[in-house]
C-alpha atoms as a PDB file:
ATOM      1  CA  MET A   1     103.834-184.465-161.771  1.00  0.00           C
ATOM      2  CA  GLN A   2     106.831-186.188-163.100  1.00  0.00           C
ATOM      3  CA  ILE A   3     109.084-188.607-161.205  1.00  0.00           C
ATOM      4  CA  SER A   4     111.713-186.132-160.795  1.00  0.00           C
ATOM      5  CA  GLY A   5     109.305-183.932-158.947  1.00  0.00           C
ATOM      6  CA  PHE A   6     108.062-186.819-156.900  1.00  0.00           C
ATOM      7  CA  ILE A   7     111.393-187.649-155.841  1.00  0.00           C
ATOM      8  CA  SER A   8     112.182-183.789-155.129  1.00  0.00           C
ATOM      9  CA  ALA A   9     108.893-183.663-153.076  1.00  0.00           C
ATOM     10  CA  ILE A  10     110.041-186.511-150.915  1.00  0.00           C
ATOM     11  CA  VAL A  11     113.622-185.159-150.308  1.00  0.00           C
ATOM     12  CA  VAL A  12     112.309-181.822-149.768  1.00  0.00           C
ATOM     13  CA  GLY A  13     109.703-183.226-147.537  1.00  0.00           C
ATOM     14  CA  LEU A  14     112.100-184.921-145.444  1.00  0.00           C
ATOM     15  CA  ILE A  15     114.462-181.738-144.799  1.00  0.00           C
ATOM     16  CA  ILE A  16     111.301-179.495-144.236  1.00  0.00           C
ATOM     17  CA  GLY A  17     109.798-181.865-141.940  1.00  0.00           C
ATOM     18  CA  ILE A  18     112.830-181.673-139.666  1.00  0.00           C
ATOM     19  CA  LEU A  19     113.227-177.962-140.172  1.00  0.00           C
ATOM     20  CA  GLY A  20     109.411-177.473-139.476  1.00  0.00           C
ATOM     21  CA  ARG A  21     109.953-179.306-136.231  1.00  0.00           C
ATOM     22  CA  LEU A  22     112.824-177.220-135.158  1.00  0.00           C
ATOM     23  CA  MET A  23     110.803-173.912-136.079  1.00  0.00           C
ATOM     24  CA  VAL A  24     108.070-174.874-133.787  1.00  0.00           C
ATOM     25  CA  SER A  25     109.047-173.898-129.994  1.00  0.00           C
ATOM     26  CA  GLY A  26     108.640-175.991-127.094  1.00  0.00           C
ATOM     27  CA  ARG A  27     108.609-179.958-126.455  1.00  0.00           C
ATOM     28  CA  GLN A  28     107.267-181.605-129.579  1.00  0.00           C
ATOM     29  CA  PRO A  29     105.303-184.946-128.720  1.00  0.00           C
ATOM     30  CA  ALA A  30     105.325-186.043-132.249  1.00  0.00           C
ATOM     31  CA  GLY A  31     108.420-188.364-133.213  1.00  0.00           C
ATOM     32  CA  CYS A  32     110.814-187.796-136.068  1.00  0.00           C
ATOM     33  CA  ILE A  33     108.843-190.428-138.339  1.00  0.00           C
ATOM     34  CA  VAL A  34     105.711-188.340-137.942  1.00  0.00           C
ATOM     35  CA  THR A  35     107.612-185.201-138.623  1.00  0.00           C
ATOM     36  CA  MET A  36     109.081-186.571-141.771  1.00  0.00           C
ATOM     37  CA  ILE A  37     105.813-187.957-142.776  1.00  0.00           C
ATOM     38  CA  THR A  38     104.007-184.914-142.561  1.00  0.00           C
ATOM     39  CA  GLY A  39     106.872-182.865-144.278  1.00  0.00           C
ATOM     40  CA  ILE A  40     106.503-185.430-147.263  1.00  0.00           C
ATOM     41  CA  VAL A  41     102.874-185.235-147.328  1.00  0.00           C
ATOM     42  CA  GLY A  42     103.274-181.445-147.363  1.00  0.00           C
ATOM     43  CA  ALA A  43     105.625-181.304-149.982  1.00  0.00           C
ATOM     44  CA  LEU A  44     103.703-183.811-152.433  1.00  0.00           C
ATOM     45  CA  ILE A  45     100.537-181.488-152.020  1.00  0.00           C
ATOM     46  CA  GLY A  46     102.417-178.280-152.666  1.00  0.00           C
ATOM     47  CA  GLY A  47     104.078-179.930-155.463  1.00  0.00           C
ATOM     48  CA  TRP A  48     100.948-181.010-156.987  1.00  0.00           C
ATOM     49  CA  ILE A  49      99.295-177.668-156.239  1.00  0.00           C
ATOM     50  CA  ALA A  50     102.353-175.745-157.972  1.00  0.00           C
ATOM     51  CA  SER A  51     102.360-178.096-161.056  1.00  0.00           C
ATOM     52  CA  MET A  52      98.805-177.065-162.007  1.00  0.00           C
ATOM     53  CA  PHE A  53      99.955-173.486-162.361  1.00  0.00           C
ATOM     54  CA  THR A  54     103.568-173.370-163.471  1.00  0.00           C
ATOM     55  CA  ASP A  55     106.486-175.629-164.946  1.00  0.00           C
ATOM     56  CA  SER A  56     109.329-173.733-163.276  1.00  0.00           C
ATOM     57  CA  PHE A  57     111.167-176.103-161.034  1.00  0.00           C
ATOM     58  CA  TRP A  58     112.200-173.276-158.669  1.00  0.00           C
ATOM     59  CA  LEU A  59     108.495-171.990-158.222  1.00  0.00           C
ATOM     60  CA  ILE A  60     107.305-175.504-157.656  1.00  0.00           C
ATOM     61  CA  LEU A  61     109.970-176.157-155.052  1.00  0.00           C
ATOM     62  CA  LEU A  62     109.252-172.868-153.248  1.00  0.00           C
ATOM     63  CA  VAL A  63     105.529-173.950-152.913  1.00  0.00           C
ATOM     64  CA  GLN A  64     106.479-177.550-151.791  1.00  0.00           C
ATOM     65  CA  ILE A  65     108.836-175.954-148.956  1.00  0.00           C
ATOM     66  CA  VAL A  66     106.186-173.477-147.930  1.00  0.00           C
ATOM     67  CA  VAL A  67     103.022-176.032-147.789  1.00  0.00           C
ATOM     68  CA  ALA A  68     105.386-178.870-146.118  1.00  0.00           C
ATOM     69  CA  ALA A  69     106.487-176.228-143.365  1.00  0.00           C
ATOM     70  CA  ILE A  70     102.940-175.254-142.698  1.00  0.00           C
ATOM     71  CA  ILE A  71     101.498-178.817-142.388  1.00  0.00           C
ATOM     72  CA  THR A  72     104.560-179.874-140.310  1.00  0.00           C
ATOM     73  CA  ALA A  73     104.023-176.816-138.106  1.00  0.00           C
ATOM     74  CA  LEU A  74     100.417-177.593-137.474  1.00  0.00           C
ATOM     75  CA  ILE A  75     100.247-181.347-137.211  1.00  0.00           C
ATOM     76  CA  SER A  76     103.222-181.904-135.215  1.00  0.00           C
ATOM     77  CA  PRO A  77     102.046-180.368-131.943  1.00  0.00           C
ATOM     78  CA  ARG A  78      98.818-182.125-132.162  1.00  0.00           C
ATOM     79  CA  VAL A  79     100.124-185.650-131.995  1.00  0.00           C
ATOM     80  CA  LYS A  80      99.461-187.497-128.726  1.00  0.00           C
ATOM     81  CA  ASP A  81     102.783-187.989-126.502  1.00  0.00           C
ATOM     82  CA  ARG A  82     103.741-191.544-126.591  1.00  0.00           C
ATOM     83  CA  THR A  83     106.417-191.383-124.070  1.00  0.00           C
ATOM     84  CA  PRO A  84     106.052-193.242-120.894  1.00  0.00           C
ATOM     85  CA  PRO A  85     105.849-191.281-117.729  1.00  0.00           C
ATOM     86  CA  PRO A  86     108.866-191.201-115.448  1.00  0.00           C
ATOM     87  CA  PRO A  87     108.947-194.046-112.901  1.00  0.00           C
ATOM     88  CA  PRO A  88     107.728-192.907-109.313  1.00  0.00           C
ATOM     89  CA  SER A  89     110.551-191.931-107.027  1.00  0.00           C
ATOM     90  CA  MET A  90     110.988-193.459-103.570  1.00  0.00           C
END
């Protein structure tokens, strides 16, 4: 993967991580940083896989989007909730 592909994977990963979080219904315990990291990792993996089969920028971008959205949707709900419980009411 060339440097331009690496940069596009990071940008796509950030965007798709956020979109993947929005696509999963219900409250998400994962924070924004975890969501963006899973999106970036998914885009990098998708770019690496696609670059083995094609040199087309658009096909690589499409595979990055799909893989990043899948990984974000799978990992985000499985992260432990770190928000503190509400204080007891008196």
